[in-house]
Amino acid sequence: AHSEIITPVDAPEWSKNREELWNAVERCEKRKDATLAREIEVALPTELSLSQNKELLREYIKDQFVSLGMVADFSIHDVDEKNPHAHI
């Protein structure tokens, strides 16, 4: 339903481009067993509209990840409007 990247204020402009971001992540790590990212899946309330869920998720991501200097790439999935959730 929606995909977006949220970056810290001082992040370079290219980090907002999904292809450039993930290519850079993979280039910087040389170890075969490296952890390049973490994935968090969150449920979203069915009572809220998509735009309300986007805003709720943006605030959560800014507070929990971006404020610590992390870049967050997220996608909201809403299968038949019965299971809204997001992958961060």
PDB file of N, CA and C in Angstrom:
ATOM      1  N   ALA A   1       0.819  -1.201   0.000  1.00  0.00           N
ATOM      2  CA  ALA A   1       0.000   0.000   0.000  1.00  0.00           C
ATOM      3  C   ALA A   1       0.860   1.261   0.000  1.00  0.00           C
ATOM      4  N   HIS A   2       2.047   1.205   0.637  1.00  0.00           N
ATOM      5  CA  HIS A   2       2.906   2.393   0.721  1.00  0.00           C
ATOM      6  C   HIS A   2       4.332   1.979   1.089  1.00  0.00           C
ATOM      7  N   SER A   3       5.313   2.639   0.482  1.00  0.00           N
ATOM      8  CA  SER A   3       6.730   2.445   0.831  1.00  0.00           C
ATOM      9  C   SER A   3       7.384   3.804   0.971  1.00  0.00           C
ATOM     10  N   GLU A   4       8.347   3.875   1.891  1.00  0.00           N
ATOM     11  CA  GLU A   4       9.000   5.158   2.160  1.00  0.00           C
ATOM     12  C   GLU A   4      10.321   4.907   2.882  1.00  0.00           C
ATOM     13  N   ILE A   5      11.235   5.857   2.764  1.00  0.00           N
ATOM     14  CA  ILE A   5      12.489   5.825   3.514  1.00  0.00           C
ATOM     15  C   ILE A   5      12.552   7.097   4.348  1.00  0.00           C
ATOM     16  N   ILE A   6      12.839   6.933   5.636  1.00  0.00           N
ATOM     17  CA  ILE A   6      13.006   8.075   6.531  1.00  0.00           C
ATOM     18  C   ILE A   6      14.455   8.076   6.990  1.00  0.00           C
ATOM     19  N   THR A   7      15.105   9.227   6.864  1.00  0.00           N
ATOM     20  CA  THR A   7      16.519   9.347   7.209  1.00  0.00           C
ATOM     21  C   THR A   7      16.735  10.426   8.263  1.00  0.00           C
ATOM     22  N   PRO A   8      17.856  10.354   8.977  1.00  0.00           N
ATOM     23  CA  PRO A   8      18.204  11.444   9.882  1.00  0.00           C
ATOM     24  C   PRO A   8      18.424  12.736   9.081  1.00  0.00           C
ATOM     25  N   VAL A   9      18.334  13.858   9.733  1.00  0.00           N
ATOM     26  CA  VAL A   9      18.461  15.167   9.087  1.00  0.00           C
ATOM     27  C   VAL A   9      19.779  15.305   8.335  1.00  0.00           C
ATOM     28  N   ASP A  10      20.860  14.799   8.894  1.00  0.00           N
ATOM     29  CA  ASP A  10      22.185  14.980   8.295  1.00  0.00           C
ATOM     30  C   ASP A  10      22.570  13.881   7.300  1.00  0.00           C
ATOM     31  N   ALA A  11      21.647  13.003   6.948  1.00  0.00           N
ATOM     32  CA  ALA A  11      21.945  11.911   6.006  1.00  0.00           C
ATOM     33  C   ALA A  11      22.082  12.471   4.589  1.00  0.00           C
ATOM     34  N   PRO A  12      22.964  11.881   3.791  1.00  0.00           N
ATOM     35  CA  PRO A  12      23.108  12.348   2.409  1.00  0.00           C
ATOM     36  C   PRO A  12      21.827  12.117   1.608  1.00  0.00           C
ATOM     37  N   GLU A  13      21.612  12.935   0.607  1.00  0.00           N
ATOM     38  CA  GLU A  13      20.394  12.862  -0.207  1.00  0.00           C
ATOM     39  C   GLU A  13      20.221  11.505  -0.881  1.00  0.00           C
ATOM     40  N   TRP A  14      21.334  10.873  -1.293  1.00  0.00           N
ATOM     41  CA  TRP A  14      21.238   9.584  -1.981  1.00  0.00           C
ATOM     42  C   TRP A  14      20.643   8.486  -1.096  1.00  0.00           C
ATOM     43  N   SER A  15      20.700   8.666   0.223  1.00  0.00           N
ATOM     44  CA  SER A  15      20.181   7.631   1.129  1.00  0.00           C
ATOM     45  C   SER A  15      18.656   7.529   1.082  1.00  0.00           C
ATOM     46  N   LYS A  16      18.008   8.473   0.430  1.00  0.00           N
ATOM     47  CA  LYS A  16      16.549   8.416   0.279  1.00  0.00           C
ATOM     48  C   LYS A  16      16.127   7.652  -0.971  1.00  0.00           C
ATOM     49  N   ASN A  17      17.107   7.203  -1.745  1.00  0.00           N
ATOM     50  CA  ASN A  17      16.854   6.402  -2.936  1.00  0.00           C
ATOM     51  C   ASN A  17      17.092   4.943  -2.572  1.00  0.00           C
ATOM     52  N   ARG A  18      16.074   4.113  -2.664  1.00  0.00           N
ATOM     53  CA  ARG A  18      16.147   2.720  -2.194  1.00  0.00           C
ATOM     54  C   ARG A  18      17.293   1.946  -2.859  1.00  0.00           C
ATOM     55  N   GLU A  19      17.435   2.059  -4.158  1.00  0.00           N
ATOM     56  CA  GLU A  19      18.486   1.318  -4.860  1.00  0.00           C
ATOM     57  C   GLU A  19      19.876   1.764  -4.417  1.00  0.00           C
ATOM     58  N   GLU A  20      20.096   3.072  -4.356  1.00  0.00           N
ATOM     59  CA  GLU A  20      21.406   3.577  -3.941  1.00  0.00           C
ATOM     60  C   GLU A  20      21.704   3.225  -2.486  1.00  0.00           C
ATOM     61  N   LEU A  21      20.690   3.323  -1.634  1.00  0.00           N
ATOM     62  CA  LEU A  21      20.867   3.013  -0.214  1.00  0.00           C
ATOM     63  C   LEU A  21      21.322   1.570  -0.019  1.00  0.00           C
ATOM     64  N   TRP A  22      20.595   0.615  -0.584  1.00  0.00           N
ATOM     65  CA  TRP A  22      20.917  -0.786  -0.335  1.00  0.00           C
ATOM     66  C   TRP A  22      22.186  -1.229  -1.054  1.00  0.00           C
ATOM     67  N   ASN A  23      22.493  -0.626  -2.192  1.00  0.00           N
ATOM     68  CA  ASN A  23      23.781  -0.919  -2.836  1.00  0.00           C
ATOM     69  C   ASN A  23      24.932  -0.425  -1.971  1.00  0.00           C
ATOM     70  N   ALA A  24      24.790   0.741  -1.369  1.00  0.00           N
ATOM     71  CA  ALA A  24      25.833   1.277  -0.481  1.00  0.00           C
ATOM     72  C   ALA A  24      25.993   0.412   0.761  1.00  0.00           C
ATOM     73  N   VAL A  25      24.896  -0.049   1.320  1.00  0.00           N
ATOM     74  CA  VAL A  25      24.948  -0.928   2.496  1.00  0.00           C
ATOM     75  C   VAL A  25      25.726  -2.198   2.166  1.00  0.00           C
ATOM     76  N   GLU A  26      25.420  -2.796   1.033  1.00  0.00           N
ATOM     77  CA  GLU A  26      26.097  -4.033   0.654  1.00  0.00           C
ATOM     78  C   GLU A  26      27.566  -3.804   0.311  1.00  0.00           C
ATOM     79  N   ARG A  27      27.907  -2.661  -0.268  1.00  0.00           N
ATOM     80  CA  ARG A  27      29.309  -2.365  -0.610  1.00  0.00           C
ATOM     81  C   ARG A  27      30.181  -2.158   0.618  1.00  0.00           C
ATOM     82  N   CYS A  28      29.627  -1.583   1.665  1.00  0.00           N
ATOM     83  CA  CYS A  28      30.455  -1.227   2.820  1.00  0.00           C
ATOM     84  C   CYS A  28      30.807  -2.433   3.695  1.00  0.00           C
ATOM     85  N   GLU A  29      30.068  -3.503   3.593  1.00  0.00           N
ATOM     86  CA  GLU A  29      30.344  -4.669   4.427  1.00  0.00           C
ATOM     87  C   GLU A  29      31.009  -5.764   3.597  1.00  0.00           C
ATOM     88  N   LYS A  30      32.130  -6.244   4.099  1.00  0.00           N
ATOM     89  CA  LYS A  30      32.903  -7.254   3.365  1.00  0.00           C
ATOM     90  C   LYS A  30      32.759  -8.661   3.923  1.00  0.00           C
ATOM     91  N   ARG A  31      32.275  -8.781   5.146  1.00  0.00           N
ATOM     92  CA  ARG A  31      32.151 -10.106   5.750  1.00  0.00           C
ATOM     93  C   ARG A  31      30.993 -10.882   5.158  1.00  0.00           C
ATOM     94  N   LYS A  32      31.194 -12.154   4.957  1.00  0.00           N
ATOM     95  CA  LYS A  32      30.172 -13.030   4.387  1.00  0.00           C
ATOM     96  C   LYS A  32      28.980 -13.195   5.339  1.00  0.00           C
ATOM     97  N   ASP A  33      29.253 -13.169   6.655  1.00  0.00           N
ATOM     98  CA  ASP A  33      28.210 -13.392   7.653  1.00  0.00           C
ATOM     99  C   ASP A  33      27.720 -12.096   8.310  1.00  0.00           C
ATOM    100  N   ALA A  34      27.895 -10.975   7.632  1.00  0.00           N
ATOM    101  CA  ALA A  34      27.522  -9.679   8.196  1.00  0.00           C
ATOM    102  C   ALA A  34      26.005  -9.522   8.282  1.00  0.00           C
ATOM    103  N   THR A  35      25.557  -8.765   9.275  1.00  0.00           N
ATOM    104  CA  THR A  35      24.156  -8.390   9.389  1.00  0.00           C
ATOM    105  C   THR A  35      24.016  -7.003   8.779  1.00  0.00           C
ATOM    106  N   LEU A  36      23.399  -6.930   7.628  1.00  0.00           N
ATOM    107  CA  LEU A  36      23.296  -5.661   6.907  1.00  0.00           C
ATOM    108  C   LEU A  36      22.101  -4.830   7.345  1.00  0.00           C
ATOM    109  N   ALA A  37      21.101  -5.474   7.909  1.00  0.00           N
ATOM    110  CA  ALA A  37      19.894  -4.756   8.330  1.00  0.00           C
ATOM    111  C   ALA A  37      19.140  -5.593   9.350  1.00  0.00           C
ATOM    112  N   ARG A  38      18.215  -4.941   9.999  1.00  0.00           N
ATOM    113  CA  ARG A  38      17.291  -5.631  10.894  1.00  0.00           C
ATOM    114  C   ARG A  38      15.897  -5.424  10.331  1.00  0.00           C
ATOM    115  N   GLU A  39      15.027  -6.398  10.504  1.00  0.00           N
ATOM    116  CA  GLU A  39      13.645  -6.229  10.060  1.00  0.00           C
ATOM    117  C   GLU A  39      12.726  -6.334  11.256  1.00  0.00           C
ATOM    118  N   ILE A  40      11.814  -5.393  11.316  1.00  0.00           N
ATOM    119  CA  ILE A  40      10.816  -5.385  12.375  1.00  0.00           C
ATOM    120  C   ILE A  40       9.463  -5.334  11.686  1.00  0.00           C
ATOM    121  N   GLU A  41       8.560  -6.198  12.107  1.00  0.00           N
ATOM    122  CA  GLU A  41       7.207  -6.202  11.565  1.00  0.00           C
ATOM    123  C   GLU A  41       6.260  -5.733  12.654  1.00  0.00           C
ATOM    124  N   VAL A  42       5.420  -4.763  12.324  1.00  0.00           N
ATOM    125  CA  VAL A  42       4.472  -4.224  13.301  1.00  0.00           C
ATOM    126  C   VAL A  42       3.054  -4.290  12.746  1.00  0.00           C
ATOM    127  N   ALA A  43       2.124  -4.579  13.619  1.00  0.00           N
ATOM    128  CA  ALA A  43       0.709  -4.563  13.252  1.00  0.00           C
ATOM    129  C   ALA A  43       0.207  -3.128  13.341  1.00  0.00           C
ATOM    130  N   LEU A  44      -0.718  -2.786  12.463  1.00  0.00           N
ATOM    131  CA  LEU A  44      -1.322  -1.457  12.460  1.00  0.00           C
ATOM    132  C   LEU A  44      -2.812  -1.582  12.767  1.00  0.00           C
ATOM    133  N   PRO A  45      -3.375  -0.594  13.459  1.00  0.00           N
ATOM    134  CA  PRO A  45      -4.787  -0.692  13.829  1.00  0.00           C
ATOM    135  C   PRO A  45      -5.719  -0.637  12.613  1.00  0.00           C
ATOM    136  N   THR A  46      -6.670  -1.541  12.568  1.00  0.00           N
ATOM    137  CA  THR A  46      -7.632  -1.561  11.465  1.00  0.00           C
ATOM    138  C   THR A  46      -8.602  -0.380  11.552  1.00  0.00           C
ATOM    139  N   GLU A  47      -8.718   0.213  12.722  1.00  0.00           N
ATOM    140  CA  GLU A  47      -9.645   1.336  12.913  1.00  0.00           C
ATOM    141  C   GLU A  47      -9.159   2.618  12.237  1.00  0.00           C
ATOM    142  N   LEU A  48      -7.866   2.677  11.914  1.00  0.00           N
ATOM    143  CA  LEU A  48      -7.313   3.888  11.293  1.00  0.00           C
ATOM    144  C   LEU A  48      -7.268   3.746   9.784  1.00  0.00           C
ATOM    145  N   SER A  49      -7.345   4.881   9.103  1.00  0.00           N
ATOM    146  CA  SER A  49      -7.225   4.891   7.647  1.00  0.00           C
ATOM    147  C   SER A  49      -5.754   4.703   7.268  1.00  0.00           C
ATOM    148  N   LEU A  50      -5.508   4.488   5.989  1.00  0.00           N
ATOM    149  CA  LEU A  50      -4.130   4.345   5.524  1.00  0.00           C
ATOM    150  C   LEU A  50      -3.319   5.588   5.844  1.00  0.00           C
ATOM    151  N   SER A  51      -3.870   6.770   5.616  1.00  0.00           N
ATOM    152  CA  SER A  51      -3.117   7.995   5.897  1.00  0.00           C
ATOM    153  C   SER A  51      -2.841   8.160   7.392  1.00  0.00           C
ATOM    154  N   GLN A  52      -3.776   7.773   8.240  1.00  0.00           N
ATOM    155  CA  GLN A  52      -3.553   7.827   9.688  1.00  0.00           C
ATOM    156  C   GLN A  52      -2.494   6.823  10.118  1.00  0.00           C
ATOM    157  N   ASN A  53      -2.526   5.629   9.529  1.00  0.00           N
ATOM    158  CA  ASN A  53      -1.509   4.626   9.841  1.00  0.00           C
ATOM    159  C   ASN A  53      -0.130   5.071   9.368  1.00  0.00           C
ATOM    160  N   LYS A  54      -0.055   5.731   8.212  1.00  0.00           N
ATOM    161  CA  LYS A  54       1.231   6.253   7.730  1.00  0.00           C
ATOM    162  C   LYS A  54       1.816   7.230   8.742  1.00  0.00           C
ATOM    163  N   GLU A  55       0.989   8.151   9.211  1.00  0.00           N
ATOM    164  CA  GLU A  55       1.466   9.159  10.160  1.00  0.00           C
ATOM    165  C   GLU A  55       1.872   8.514  11.486  1.00  0.00           C
ATOM    166  N   LEU A  56       1.078   7.566  11.959  1.00  0.00           N
ATOM    167  CA  LEU A  56       1.402   6.847  13.194  1.00  0.00           C
ATOM    168  C   LEU A  56       2.741   6.134  13.059  1.00  0.00           C
ATOM    169  N   LEU A  57       2.941   5.467  11.943  1.00  0.00           N
ATOM    170  CA  LEU A  57       4.176   4.724  11.699  1.00  0.00           C
ATOM    171  C   LEU A  57       5.372   5.657  11.555  1.00  0.00           C
ATOM    172  N   ARG A  58       5.195   6.764  10.841  1.00  0.00           N
ATOM    173  CA  ARG A  58       6.296   7.740  10.699  1.00  0.00           C
ATOM    174  C   ARG A  58       6.767   8.241  12.061  1.00  0.00           C
ATOM    175  N   GLU A  59       5.826   8.586  12.926  1.00  0.00           N
ATOM    176  CA  GLU A  59       6.189   9.081  14.256  1.00  0.00           C
ATOM    177  C   GLU A  59       6.923   8.010  15.062  1.00  0.00           C
ATOM    178  N   TYR A  60       6.445   6.772  14.996  1.00  0.00           N
ATOM    179  CA  TYR A  60       7.088   5.662  15.696  1.00  0.00           C
ATOM    180  C   TYR A  60       8.516   5.467  15.180  1.00  0.00           C
ATOM    181  N   ILE A  61       8.682   5.456  13.866  1.00  0.00           N
ATOM    182  CA  ILE A  61      10.002   5.242  13.264  1.00  0.00           C
ATOM    183  C   ILE A  61      10.956   6.378  13.626  1.00  0.00           C
ATOM    184  N   LYS A  62      10.478   7.603  13.551  1.00  0.00           N
ATOM    185  CA  LYS A  62      11.338   8.752  13.906  1.00  0.00           C
ATOM    186  C   LYS A  62      11.777   8.662  15.360  1.00  0.00           C
ATOM    187  N   ASP A  63      10.856   8.296  16.229  1.00  0.00           N
ATOM    188  CA  ASP A  63      11.161   8.233  17.660  1.00  0.00           C
ATOM    189  C   ASP A  63      12.077   7.070  18.014  1.00  0.00           C
ATOM    190  N   GLN A  64      11.835   5.897  17.439  1.00  0.00           N
ATOM    191  CA  GLN A  64      12.557   4.690  17.834  1.00  0.00           C
ATOM    192  C   GLN A  64      13.833   4.409  17.049  1.00  0.00           C
ATOM    193  N   PHE A  65      13.950   4.904  15.825  1.00  0.00           N
ATOM    194  CA  PHE A  65      15.086   4.547  14.978  1.00  0.00           C
ATOM    195  C   PHE A  65      15.854   5.754  14.461  1.00  0.00           C
ATOM    196  N   VAL A  66      15.160   6.654  13.797  1.00  0.00           N
ATOM    197  CA  VAL A  66      15.826   7.797  13.166  1.00  0.00           C
ATOM    198  C   VAL A  66      16.470   8.706  14.212  1.00  0.00           C
ATOM    199  N   SER A  67      15.861   8.854  15.362  1.00  0.00           N
ATOM    200  CA  SER A  67      16.441   9.684  16.424  1.00  0.00           C
ATOM    201  C   SER A  67      17.768   9.110  16.932  1.00  0.00           C
ATOM    202  N   LEU A  68      18.013   7.817  16.663  1.00  0.00           N
ATOM    203  CA  LEU A  68      19.264   7.158  17.050  1.00  0.00           C
ATOM    204  C   LEU A  68      20.271   7.130  15.898  1.00  0.00           C
ATOM    205  N   GLY A  69      19.946   7.815  14.795  1.00  0.00           N
ATOM    206  CA  GLY A  69      20.863   7.899  13.666  1.00  0.00           C
ATOM    207  C   GLY A  69      20.679   6.833  12.619  1.00  0.00           C
ATOM    208  N   MET A  70      19.602   6.048  12.704  1.00  0.00           N
ATOM    209  CA  MET A  70      19.369   4.973  11.736  1.00  0.00           C
ATOM    210  C   MET A  70      18.527   5.465  10.565  1.00  0.00           C
ATOM    211  N   VAL A  71      18.721   4.819   9.435  1.00  0.00           N
ATOM    212  CA  VAL A  71      17.857   5.013   8.268  1.00  0.00           C
ATOM    213  C   VAL A  71      16.806   3.918   8.325  1.00  0.00           C
ATOM    214  N   ALA A  72      15.551   4.275   8.069  1.00  0.00           N
ATOM    215  CA  ALA A  72      14.469   3.291   8.109  1.00  0.00           C
ATOM    216  C   ALA A  72      13.764   3.232   6.758  1.00  0.00           C
ATOM    217  N   ASP A  73      13.762   2.064   6.185  1.00  0.00           N
ATOM    218  CA  ASP A  73      13.070   1.778   4.929  1.00  0.00           C
ATOM    219  C   ASP A  73      11.845   0.948   5.319  1.00  0.00           C
ATOM    220  N   PHE A  74      10.650   1.455   5.028  1.00  0.00           N
ATOM    221  CA  PHE A  74       9.471   0.707   5.462  1.00  0.00           C
ATOM    222  C   PHE A  74       8.433   0.584   4.357  1.00  0.00           C
ATOM    223  N   SER A  75       7.624  -0.457   4.492  1.00  0.00           N
ATOM    224  CA  SER A  75       6.503  -0.695   3.576  1.00  0.00           C
ATOM    225  C   SER A  75       5.290  -1.099   4.391  1.00  0.00           C
ATOM    226  N   ILE A  76       4.164  -0.518   4.025  1.00  0.00           N
ATOM    227  CA  ILE A  76       2.899  -0.875   4.656  1.00  0.00           C
ATOM    228  C   ILE A  76       2.177  -1.847   3.731  1.00  0.00           C
ATOM    229  N   HIS A  77       1.727  -2.943   4.283  1.00  0.00           N
ATOM    230  CA  HIS A  77       0.969  -3.940   3.534  1.00  0.00           C
ATOM    231  C   HIS A  77      -0.424  -4.001   4.158  1.00  0.00           C
ATOM    232  N   ASP A  78      -1.412  -4.108   3.327  1.00  0.00           N
ATOM    233  CA  ASP A  78      -2.785  -4.160   3.824  1.00  0.00           C
ATOM    234  C   ASP A  78      -3.557  -5.164   2.977  1.00  0.00           C
ATOM    235  N   VAL A  79      -3.509  -6.397   3.377  1.00  0.00           N
ATOM    236  CA  VAL A  79      -4.154  -7.471   2.627  1.00  0.00           C
ATOM    237  C   VAL A  79      -5.656  -7.445   2.908  1.00  0.00           C
ATOM    238  N   ASP A  80      -6.431  -7.086   1.903  1.00  0.00           N
ATOM    239  CA  ASP A  80      -7.904  -7.038   2.000  1.00  0.00           C
ATOM    240  C   ASP A  80      -8.401  -6.195   3.175  1.00  0.00           C
ATOM    241  N   GLU A  81      -7.615  -5.239   3.594  1.00  0.00           N
ATOM    242  CA  GLU A  81      -7.971  -4.345   4.717  1.00  0.00           C
ATOM    243  C   GLU A  81      -8.287  -5.106   5.999  1.00  0.00           C
ATOM    244  N   LYS A  82      -7.802  -6.334   6.134  1.00  0.00           N
ATOM    245  CA  LYS A  82      -8.061  -7.138   7.331  1.00  0.00           C
ATOM    246  C   LYS A  82      -6.818  -7.314   8.182  1.00  0.00           C
ATOM    247  N   ASN A  83      -5.648  -7.055   7.599  1.00  0.00           N
ATOM    248  CA  ASN A  83      -4.404  -7.285   8.327  1.00  0.00           C
ATOM    249  C   ASN A  83      -3.376  -6.205   7.986  1.00  0.00           C
ATOM    250  N   PRO A  84      -3.676  -4.946   8.316  1.00  0.00           N
ATOM    251  CA  PRO A  84      -2.688  -3.918   8.018  1.00  0.00           C
ATOM    252  C   PRO A  84      -1.445  -4.095   8.894  1.00  0.00           C
ATOM    253  N   HIS A  85      -0.283  -4.098   8.244  1.00  0.00           N
ATOM    254  CA  HIS A  85       0.966  -4.242   8.985  1.00  0.00           C
ATOM    255  C   HIS A  85       2.073  -3.576   8.187  1.00  0.00           C
ATOM    256  N   ALA A  86       3.205  -3.388   8.835  1.00  0.00           N
ATOM    257  CA  ALA A  86       4.337  -2.750   8.185  1.00  0.00           C
ATOM    258  C   ALA A  86       5.606  -3.530   8.449  1.00  0.00           C
ATOM    259  N   HIS A  87       6.482  -3.510   7.461  1.00  0.00           N
ATOM    260  CA  HIS A  87       7.824  -4.077   7.580  1.00  0.00           C
ATOM    261  C   HIS A  87       8.777  -2.893   7.610  1.00  0.00           C
ATOM    262  N   ILE A  88       9.569  -2.791   8.656  1.00  0.00           N
ATOM    263  CA  ILE A  88      10.539  -1.698   8.803  1.00  0.00           C
ATOM    264  C   ILE A  88      11.916  -2.282   8.623  1.00  0.00           C
TER     265      ILE A  88
END
